[in-house]
N, C-alpha and C. Protein backbone atom coordinates (compact mmCIF):
# COMPACT_ATOMS: atom_id res chain seq x y z
N MET A 1 0.83 -1.19 0.00
CA MET A 1 0.00 0.00 0.00
C MET A 1 0.87 1.24 0.00
N ASP A 2 1.95 1.17 -0.70
CA ASP A 2 2.85 2.32 -0.80
C ASP A 2 2.10 3.52 -1.36
N GLY A 3 2.27 4.64 -0.69
CA GLY A 3 1.69 5.89 -1.15
C GLY A 3 0.23 6.10 -0.79
N VAL A 4 -0.40 5.10 -0.20
CA VAL A 4 -1.80 5.21 0.18
C VAL A 4 -1.91 5.93 1.51
N ARG A 5 -2.74 6.93 1.57
CA ARG A 5 -2.98 7.65 2.81
C ARG A 5 -4.01 6.87 3.62
N ILE A 6 -3.66 6.51 4.83
CA ILE A 6 -4.55 5.75 5.71
C ILE A 6 -4.95 6.61 6.88
N ILE A 7 -6.25 6.68 7.10
CA ILE A 7 -6.79 7.43 8.23
C ILE A 7 -7.57 6.45 9.09
N GLU A 8 -7.20 6.37 10.36
CA GLU A 8 -7.92 5.49 11.28
C GLU A 8 -7.84 6.07 12.68
N GLY A 9 -8.71 5.59 13.54
CA GLY A 9 -8.73 6.06 14.91
C GLY A 9 -7.79 5.29 15.80
N GLU A 10 -7.11 6.00 16.67
CA GLU A 10 -6.18 5.38 17.60
C GLU A 10 -6.93 4.83 18.80
N LEU A 11 -6.23 3.97 19.53
CA LEU A 11 -6.78 3.40 20.76
C LEU A 11 -6.30 4.19 21.97
N GLN A 12 -6.59 5.47 21.97
CA GLN A 12 -6.22 6.36 23.07
C GLN A 12 -7.47 7.12 23.49
N ALA A 13 -7.96 6.81 24.69
CA ALA A 13 -9.22 7.39 25.16
C ALA A 13 -9.02 8.65 26.00
N GLY A 14 -7.80 9.00 26.32
CA GLY A 14 -7.55 10.19 27.13
C GLY A 14 -8.13 11.43 26.47
N GLY A 15 -8.83 12.23 27.25
CA GLY A 15 -9.43 13.46 26.75
C GLY A 15 -10.77 13.27 26.03
N LEU A 16 -11.22 12.05 25.90
CA LEU A 16 -12.51 11.78 25.26
C LEU A 16 -13.56 11.46 26.32
N ARG A 17 -14.81 11.72 25.97
CA ARG A 17 -15.93 11.46 26.88
C ARG A 17 -16.82 10.38 26.27
N PHE A 18 -17.20 9.40 27.11
CA PHE A 18 -17.99 8.27 26.64
C PHE A 18 -19.25 8.10 27.47
N ALA A 19 -20.31 7.71 26.80
CA ALA A 19 -21.54 7.34 27.48
C ALA A 19 -21.81 5.87 27.22
N LEU A 20 -22.13 5.15 28.27
CA LEU A 20 -22.62 3.79 28.16
C LEU A 20 -24.12 3.86 28.44
N VAL A 21 -24.92 3.39 27.51
CA VAL A 21 -26.36 3.32 27.70
C VAL A 21 -26.69 1.84 27.77
N ALA A 22 -27.15 1.40 28.93
CA ALA A 22 -27.31 -0.03 29.17
C ALA A 22 -28.72 -0.40 29.58
N ALA A 23 -29.21 -1.48 29.00
CA ALA A 23 -30.54 -2.00 29.32
C ALA A 23 -30.50 -2.77 30.64
N ARG A 24 -31.59 -2.68 31.38
CA ARG A 24 -31.71 -3.46 32.61
C ARG A 24 -32.24 -4.87 32.34
N PHE A 25 -33.01 -5.04 31.28
CA PHE A 25 -33.54 -6.37 30.96
C PHE A 25 -32.38 -7.31 30.66
N ASN A 26 -32.46 -8.52 31.15
CA ASN A 26 -31.34 -9.48 31.09
C ASN A 26 -30.11 -8.90 31.79
N GLU A 27 -30.35 -8.27 32.91
CA GLU A 27 -29.32 -7.54 33.64
C GLU A 27 -28.12 -8.41 34.02
N PHE A 28 -28.36 -9.68 34.30
CA PHE A 28 -27.26 -10.57 34.69
C PHE A 28 -26.25 -10.72 33.55
N ILE A 29 -26.66 -10.53 32.32
CA ILE A 29 -25.75 -10.54 31.18
C ILE A 29 -25.20 -9.13 30.93
N VAL A 30 -26.07 -8.15 30.97
CA VAL A 30 -25.67 -6.77 30.65
C VAL A 30 -24.64 -6.24 31.64
N GLU A 31 -24.74 -6.63 32.91
CA GLU A 31 -23.75 -6.19 33.90
C GLU A 31 -22.34 -6.63 33.49
N ARG A 32 -22.23 -7.80 32.92
CA ARG A 32 -20.94 -8.30 32.47
C ARG A 32 -20.44 -7.51 31.26
N LEU A 33 -21.36 -7.09 30.40
CA LEU A 33 -20.99 -6.24 29.27
C LEU A 33 -20.50 -4.88 29.76
N ILE A 34 -21.20 -4.33 30.74
CA ILE A 34 -20.80 -3.04 31.33
C ILE A 34 -19.39 -3.16 31.93
N ASP A 35 -19.17 -4.21 32.70
CA ASP A 35 -17.85 -4.41 33.31
C ASP A 35 -16.76 -4.48 32.24
N GLY A 36 -17.02 -5.21 31.17
CA GLY A 36 -16.04 -5.31 30.09
C GLY A 36 -15.79 -3.97 29.43
N ALA A 37 -16.87 -3.20 29.20
CA ALA A 37 -16.73 -1.89 28.57
C ALA A 37 -15.92 -0.95 29.46
N LEU A 38 -16.23 -0.94 30.75
CA LEU A 38 -15.50 -0.06 31.67
C LEU A 38 -14.02 -0.42 31.75
N ARG A 39 -13.72 -1.72 31.79
CA ARG A 39 -12.32 -2.15 31.82
C ARG A 39 -11.60 -1.73 30.53
N ALA A 40 -12.27 -1.90 29.40
CA ALA A 40 -11.64 -1.54 28.12
C ALA A 40 -11.38 -0.05 28.05
N LEU A 41 -12.35 0.76 28.44
CA LEU A 41 -12.16 2.22 28.40
C LEU A 41 -11.02 2.63 29.32
N ALA A 42 -10.98 2.09 30.52
CA ALA A 42 -9.89 2.41 31.45
C ALA A 42 -8.56 1.96 30.88
N GLY A 43 -8.54 0.80 30.27
CA GLY A 43 -7.31 0.28 29.70
C GLY A 43 -6.77 1.12 28.56
N HIS A 44 -7.66 1.86 27.92
CA HIS A 44 -7.23 2.75 26.83
C HIS A 44 -7.06 4.20 27.29
N GLY A 45 -7.11 4.41 28.62
CA GLY A 45 -6.79 5.71 29.17
C GLY A 45 -7.95 6.64 29.47
N ALA A 46 -9.18 6.14 29.43
CA ALA A 46 -10.32 7.00 29.77
C ALA A 46 -10.36 7.24 31.27
N ALA A 47 -10.55 8.49 31.65
CA ALA A 47 -10.69 8.83 33.06
C ALA A 47 -12.08 8.43 33.53
N PRO A 48 -12.22 7.94 34.76
CA PRO A 48 -13.55 7.58 35.27
C PRO A 48 -14.56 8.73 35.14
N ALA A 49 -14.11 9.95 35.38
CA ALA A 49 -15.01 11.10 35.29
C ALA A 49 -15.47 11.39 33.86
N ALA A 50 -14.81 10.78 32.88
CA ALA A 50 -15.16 10.99 31.47
C ALA A 50 -16.13 9.93 30.96
N ILE A 51 -16.60 9.07 31.89
CA ILE A 51 -17.53 7.99 31.51
C ILE A 51 -18.83 8.17 32.27
N THR A 52 -19.93 8.12 31.54
CA THR A 52 -21.26 8.22 32.14
C THR A 52 -22.03 6.96 31.80
N LEU A 53 -22.66 6.36 32.81
CA LEU A 53 -23.50 5.19 32.61
C LEU A 53 -24.95 5.59 32.81
N VAL A 54 -25.77 5.32 31.80
CA VAL A 54 -27.20 5.60 31.86
C VAL A 54 -27.93 4.28 31.71
N ARG A 55 -28.88 4.02 32.60
CA ARG A 55 -29.64 2.77 32.56
C ARG A 55 -31.03 3.02 31.98
N VAL A 56 -31.46 2.12 31.11
CA VAL A 56 -32.81 2.16 30.53
C VAL A 56 -33.47 0.81 30.79
N PRO A 57 -34.80 0.74 30.71
CA PRO A 57 -35.46 -0.54 31.00
C PRO A 57 -35.05 -1.70 30.09
N GLY A 58 -35.06 -1.49 28.78
CA GLY A 58 -34.77 -2.58 27.87
C GLY A 58 -34.09 -2.12 26.60
N ALA A 59 -33.75 -3.06 25.74
CA ALA A 59 -33.03 -2.75 24.50
C ALA A 59 -33.83 -1.84 23.58
N PHE A 60 -35.15 -1.97 23.59
CA PHE A 60 -36.00 -1.13 22.75
C PHE A 60 -35.87 0.34 23.15
N ASP A 61 -35.49 0.59 24.40
CA ASP A 61 -35.37 1.95 24.93
C ASP A 61 -34.01 2.58 24.67
N LEU A 62 -33.07 1.82 24.16
CA LEU A 62 -31.73 2.36 23.92
C LEU A 62 -31.70 3.47 22.88
N PRO A 63 -32.34 3.33 21.70
CA PRO A 63 -32.22 4.38 20.67
C PRO A 63 -32.72 5.76 21.09
N PRO A 64 -33.91 5.91 21.69
CA PRO A 64 -34.33 7.27 22.03
C PRO A 64 -33.45 7.95 23.07
N VAL A 65 -32.95 7.18 24.03
CA VAL A 65 -32.06 7.76 25.04
C VAL A 65 -30.71 8.08 24.42
N ALA A 66 -30.19 7.19 23.58
CA ALA A 66 -28.94 7.48 22.88
C ALA A 66 -29.08 8.72 22.01
N GLN A 67 -30.22 8.89 21.39
CA GLN A 67 -30.46 10.07 20.55
C GLN A 67 -30.42 11.36 21.38
N GLN A 68 -31.10 11.34 22.50
CA GLN A 68 -31.11 12.52 23.36
C GLN A 68 -29.69 12.85 23.83
N MET A 69 -28.94 11.83 24.19
CA MET A 69 -27.57 12.04 24.65
C MET A 69 -26.68 12.55 23.52
N ALA A 70 -26.81 11.95 22.34
CA ALA A 70 -25.98 12.39 21.21
C ALA A 70 -26.27 13.84 20.85
N ARG A 71 -27.52 14.22 20.88
CA ARG A 71 -27.89 15.60 20.54
C ARG A 71 -27.35 16.61 21.55
N SER A 72 -27.07 16.17 22.77
CA SER A 72 -26.59 17.09 23.80
C SER A 72 -25.18 17.58 23.53
N GLY A 73 -24.40 16.82 22.74
CA GLY A 73 -23.03 17.21 22.46
C GLY A 73 -22.06 16.98 23.60
N GLN A 74 -22.48 16.26 24.63
CA GLN A 74 -21.62 16.06 25.80
C GLN A 74 -20.65 14.90 25.67
N TRP A 75 -20.89 13.99 24.70
CA TRP A 75 -20.07 12.78 24.62
C TRP A 75 -19.48 12.64 23.23
N ASP A 76 -18.28 12.08 23.18
CA ASP A 76 -17.59 11.83 21.91
C ASP A 76 -18.05 10.53 21.26
N ALA A 77 -18.54 9.61 22.05
CA ALA A 77 -19.06 8.35 21.52
C ALA A 77 -20.01 7.75 22.55
N ILE A 78 -20.96 6.98 22.05
CA ILE A 78 -21.95 6.31 22.89
C ILE A 78 -21.87 4.81 22.61
N VAL A 79 -21.87 4.04 23.69
CA VAL A 79 -21.86 2.58 23.58
C VAL A 79 -23.20 2.08 24.11
N ALA A 80 -23.97 1.43 23.26
CA ALA A 80 -25.25 0.86 23.67
C ALA A 80 -25.04 -0.60 24.03
N LEU A 81 -25.47 -0.97 25.23
CA LEU A 81 -25.27 -2.33 25.74
C LEU A 81 -26.61 -2.96 26.13
N GLY A 82 -26.81 -4.18 25.72
CA GLY A 82 -28.03 -4.90 26.06
C GLY A 82 -27.91 -6.34 25.63
N ALA A 83 -28.95 -7.10 25.93
CA ALA A 83 -29.00 -8.51 25.53
C ALA A 83 -30.44 -8.86 25.18
N VAL A 84 -30.64 -9.24 23.93
CA VAL A 84 -31.95 -9.69 23.47
C VAL A 84 -31.78 -11.17 23.15
N ILE A 85 -32.48 -11.99 23.91
CA ILE A 85 -32.33 -13.44 23.78
C ILE A 85 -33.63 -14.01 23.20
N ARG A 86 -33.49 -14.78 22.14
CA ARG A 86 -34.66 -15.32 21.44
C ARG A 86 -35.50 -16.17 22.38
N GLY A 87 -36.77 -15.94 22.32
CA GLY A 87 -37.71 -16.75 23.10
C GLY A 87 -38.61 -17.53 22.16
N GLU A 88 -39.82 -17.78 22.60
CA GLU A 88 -40.76 -18.58 21.82
C GLU A 88 -41.71 -17.73 20.98
N THR A 89 -41.53 -16.40 21.01
CA THR A 89 -42.42 -15.52 20.25
C THR A 89 -41.60 -14.65 19.30
N ALA A 90 -42.28 -13.88 18.49
CA ALA A 90 -41.62 -12.98 17.54
C ALA A 90 -41.08 -11.73 18.21
N HIS A 91 -41.27 -11.59 19.50
CA HIS A 91 -40.83 -10.41 20.24
C HIS A 91 -39.36 -10.11 19.98
N PHE A 92 -38.52 -11.13 19.96
CA PHE A 92 -37.09 -10.99 19.71
C PHE A 92 -36.84 -10.22 18.41
N ASP A 93 -37.52 -10.63 17.33
CA ASP A 93 -37.28 -10.03 16.02
C ASP A 93 -37.61 -8.54 16.02
N PHE A 94 -38.69 -8.18 16.66
CA PHE A 94 -39.08 -6.77 16.70
C PHE A 94 -38.11 -5.95 17.54
N VAL A 95 -37.80 -6.42 18.72
CA VAL A 95 -36.92 -5.67 19.62
C VAL A 95 -35.52 -5.56 19.04
N ALA A 96 -34.94 -6.67 18.60
CA ALA A 96 -33.57 -6.64 18.08
C ALA A 96 -33.48 -5.77 16.84
N GLY A 97 -34.43 -5.93 15.92
CA GLY A 97 -34.40 -5.16 14.68
C GLY A 97 -34.58 -3.67 14.90
N GLU A 98 -35.55 -3.31 15.71
CA GLU A 98 -35.79 -1.89 15.97
C GLU A 98 -34.65 -1.25 16.75
N CYS A 99 -34.08 -2.00 17.67
CA CYS A 99 -32.94 -1.48 18.43
C CYS A 99 -31.77 -1.20 17.50
N ALA A 100 -31.43 -2.14 16.66
CA ALA A 100 -30.30 -1.96 15.74
C ALA A 100 -30.55 -0.81 14.77
N ALA A 101 -31.74 -0.78 14.18
CA ALA A 101 -32.06 0.29 13.22
C ALA A 101 -32.08 1.65 13.90
N GLY A 102 -32.65 1.70 15.10
CA GLY A 102 -32.72 2.96 15.82
C GLY A 102 -31.36 3.50 16.19
N LEU A 103 -30.48 2.64 16.66
CA LEU A 103 -29.13 3.10 17.03
C LEU A 103 -28.34 3.55 15.81
N ALA A 104 -28.49 2.85 14.70
CA ALA A 104 -27.84 3.29 13.46
C ALA A 104 -28.35 4.65 13.03
N ARG A 105 -29.64 4.86 13.15
CA ARG A 105 -30.24 6.14 12.78
C ARG A 105 -29.71 7.28 13.66
N VAL A 106 -29.54 7.00 14.96
CA VAL A 106 -28.99 8.02 15.86
C VAL A 106 -27.61 8.45 15.39
N ALA A 107 -26.76 7.48 15.08
CA ALA A 107 -25.41 7.81 14.63
C ALA A 107 -25.44 8.60 13.33
N LEU A 108 -26.27 8.19 12.40
CA LEU A 108 -26.35 8.88 11.11
C LEU A 108 -26.93 10.28 11.26
N ASP A 109 -27.96 10.44 12.08
CA ASP A 109 -28.63 11.73 12.23
C ASP A 109 -27.82 12.74 13.03
N THR A 110 -27.00 12.26 13.97
CA THR A 110 -26.30 13.20 14.86
C THR A 110 -24.81 13.33 14.55
N GLY A 111 -24.24 12.36 13.87
CA GLY A 111 -22.80 12.37 13.62
C GLY A 111 -21.97 11.91 14.80
N VAL A 112 -22.61 11.51 15.87
CA VAL A 112 -21.91 10.99 17.04
C VAL A 112 -21.81 9.47 16.89
N PRO A 113 -20.62 8.90 17.05
CA PRO A 113 -20.51 7.45 16.96
C PRO A 113 -21.37 6.76 18.02
N VAL A 114 -22.18 5.82 17.57
CA VAL A 114 -22.99 5.00 18.46
C VAL A 114 -22.65 3.55 18.14
N VAL A 115 -22.05 2.86 19.11
CA VAL A 115 -21.59 1.50 18.88
C VAL A 115 -22.62 0.52 19.40
N PHE A 116 -22.94 -0.48 18.58
CA PHE A 116 -23.94 -1.49 18.89
C PHE A 116 -23.30 -2.61 19.70
N GLY A 117 -23.47 -2.55 21.00
CA GLY A 117 -22.96 -3.58 21.89
C GLY A 117 -24.10 -4.39 22.48
N VAL A 118 -25.10 -4.65 21.65
CA VAL A 118 -26.29 -5.39 22.08
C VAL A 118 -26.18 -6.82 21.57
N LEU A 119 -26.16 -7.76 22.48
CA LEU A 119 -26.13 -9.16 22.09
C LEU A 119 -27.50 -9.57 21.56
N THR A 120 -27.52 -10.30 20.48
CA THR A 120 -28.76 -10.85 19.93
C THR A 120 -28.50 -12.34 19.73
N THR A 121 -28.87 -13.12 20.71
CA THR A 121 -28.51 -14.54 20.71
C THR A 121 -29.75 -15.43 20.79
N ALA A 122 -29.55 -16.68 20.46
CA ALA A 122 -30.64 -17.65 20.52
C ALA A 122 -30.84 -18.19 21.93
N THR A 123 -29.76 -18.23 22.73
CA THR A 123 -29.86 -18.82 24.06
C THR A 123 -29.12 -17.98 25.10
N VAL A 124 -29.45 -18.23 26.35
CA VAL A 124 -28.76 -17.58 27.46
C VAL A 124 -27.29 -17.99 27.47
N THR A 125 -27.01 -19.25 27.17
CA THR A 125 -25.63 -19.73 27.14
C THR A 125 -24.81 -18.95 26.11
N GLN A 126 -25.37 -18.73 24.94
CA GLN A 126 -24.66 -17.95 23.92
C GLN A 126 -24.40 -16.53 24.42
N ALA A 127 -25.37 -15.94 25.08
CA ALA A 127 -25.19 -14.59 25.62
C ALA A 127 -24.08 -14.57 26.67
N ALA A 128 -24.09 -15.54 27.56
CA ALA A 128 -23.06 -15.61 28.61
C ALA A 128 -21.67 -15.80 27.99
N ASP A 129 -21.60 -16.62 26.94
CA ASP A 129 -20.31 -16.83 26.27
C ASP A 129 -19.76 -15.54 25.67
N ARG A 130 -20.64 -14.62 25.26
CA ARG A 130 -20.24 -13.37 24.61
C ARG A 130 -20.13 -12.21 25.61
N ALA A 131 -20.47 -12.48 26.85
CA ALA A 131 -20.42 -11.45 27.90
C ALA A 131 -19.38 -11.82 28.95
N GLY A 132 -18.20 -12.16 28.47
CA GLY A 132 -17.11 -12.49 29.38
C GLY A 132 -16.82 -13.98 29.47
N GLY A 133 -17.53 -14.77 28.68
CA GLY A 133 -17.29 -16.21 28.68
C GLY A 133 -16.29 -16.61 27.62
N LYS A 134 -16.46 -17.78 27.07
CA LYS A 134 -15.47 -18.34 26.15
C LYS A 134 -15.31 -17.58 24.85
N ASP A 135 -16.30 -16.75 24.49
CA ASP A 135 -16.21 -15.98 23.25
C ASP A 135 -15.80 -14.52 23.48
N GLY A 136 -15.26 -14.21 24.64
CA GLY A 136 -14.81 -12.85 24.93
C GLY A 136 -15.90 -12.00 25.54
N ASN A 137 -15.72 -10.71 25.48
CA ASN A 137 -16.69 -9.78 26.05
C ASN A 137 -17.03 -8.73 25.01
N ARG A 138 -18.23 -8.80 24.49
CA ARG A 138 -18.66 -7.86 23.44
C ARG A 138 -18.81 -6.44 23.98
N GLY A 139 -18.98 -6.28 25.28
CA GLY A 139 -18.98 -4.95 25.87
C GLY A 139 -17.61 -4.30 25.74
N ALA A 140 -16.57 -5.06 26.00
CA ALA A 140 -15.21 -4.57 25.82
C ALA A 140 -14.93 -4.27 24.36
N ASP A 141 -15.39 -5.16 23.48
CA ASP A 141 -15.20 -4.93 22.04
C ASP A 141 -15.89 -3.65 21.59
N ALA A 142 -17.10 -3.42 22.08
CA ALA A 142 -17.86 -2.23 21.69
C ALA A 142 -17.17 -0.97 22.20
N ALA A 143 -16.67 -1.01 23.43
CA ALA A 143 -15.98 0.16 23.99
C ALA A 143 -14.71 0.46 23.21
N THR A 144 -13.99 -0.58 22.83
CA THR A 144 -12.77 -0.39 22.04
C THR A 144 -13.11 0.24 20.68
N ALA A 145 -14.18 -0.22 20.07
CA ALA A 145 -14.63 0.37 18.81
C ALA A 145 -15.01 1.83 19.00
N ALA A 146 -15.62 2.15 20.13
CA ALA A 146 -16.02 3.54 20.41
C ALA A 146 -14.79 4.44 20.52
N VAL A 147 -13.73 3.95 21.15
CA VAL A 147 -12.49 4.73 21.26
C VAL A 147 -11.95 5.02 19.86
N ARG A 148 -11.86 3.98 19.05
CA ARG A 148 -11.35 4.16 17.68
C ARG A 148 -12.23 5.13 16.88
N LEU A 149 -13.54 4.98 16.98
CA LEU A 149 -14.45 5.84 16.21
C LEU A 149 -14.41 7.29 16.69
N ALA A 150 -14.34 7.50 17.99
CA ALA A 150 -14.27 8.87 18.50
C ALA A 150 -13.01 9.57 17.98
N ASN A 151 -11.90 8.85 18.00
CA ASN A 151 -10.66 9.42 17.48
C ASN A 151 -10.73 9.63 15.96
N LEU A 152 -11.32 8.69 15.26
CA LEU A 152 -11.46 8.83 13.81
C LEU A 152 -12.32 10.04 13.47
N HIS A 153 -13.42 10.22 14.17
CA HIS A 153 -14.27 11.38 13.92
C HIS A 153 -13.51 12.68 14.16
N ARG A 154 -12.70 12.71 15.19
CA ARG A 154 -11.87 13.91 15.43
C ARG A 154 -10.89 14.14 14.30
N ARG A 155 -10.25 13.08 13.84
CA ARG A 155 -9.28 13.22 12.75
C ARG A 155 -9.95 13.68 11.46
N LEU A 156 -11.17 13.25 11.25
CA LEU A 156 -11.89 13.63 10.03
C LEU A 156 -12.57 15.00 10.17
N GLY A 157 -12.44 15.59 11.36
CA GLY A 157 -13.02 16.92 11.55
C GLY A 157 -14.49 16.90 11.89
N ALA A 158 -15.00 15.72 12.31
CA ALA A 158 -16.43 15.61 12.62
C ALA A 158 -16.72 15.89 14.09
N GLY A 159 -15.68 16.04 14.90
CA GLY A 159 -15.94 16.22 16.32
C GLY A 159 -15.11 17.29 16.92
C-alpha cells in the first residue's frame, strides 16, 4: 500500500468522553458487558469522570435515550449495551431489529458514533459466552470500537 494515505482512529481514550447506555432487561448478562466496557475504556486511558453510565429498562429503549444524549453534544461516543435473547415468540425479532435500526439512525442523524454492543442470541448460554465467557466480552469490544471511532471522527473533523 505504498503511497496510500490511511486514516484510522487510535486506541487512546484520554481526553474523550464516553456514554454507556445499558438496558436493565437481562441484567445478569448486561452487567458483564458493562464491566467489560469499563475495563476496556480504562485500559485505553479513559478517566472515570469521562464515563457516564445511563440505565434504561430494555433494549428497545436504547435508541431514544442514545439520541437525546448524542444531541446534547456532551459525549464523543456512545456505547449501547443490552442482551436480546430469542424466546418462543416474535418479540425478539421486533426488539432486536428496531434497536439496531434505531441506534444506526442516531449515529447517522447526529454524527456521534454510536456503537452497537447489544447481544442478539438464541440462548442464554450464547449470551453468557459473549459477555465475558469463552467468546470474549462484546462490551469490551464495543468500547474499544467507540475509542477508535471517537478518534477517527476527530481526525476527520467531525468532532
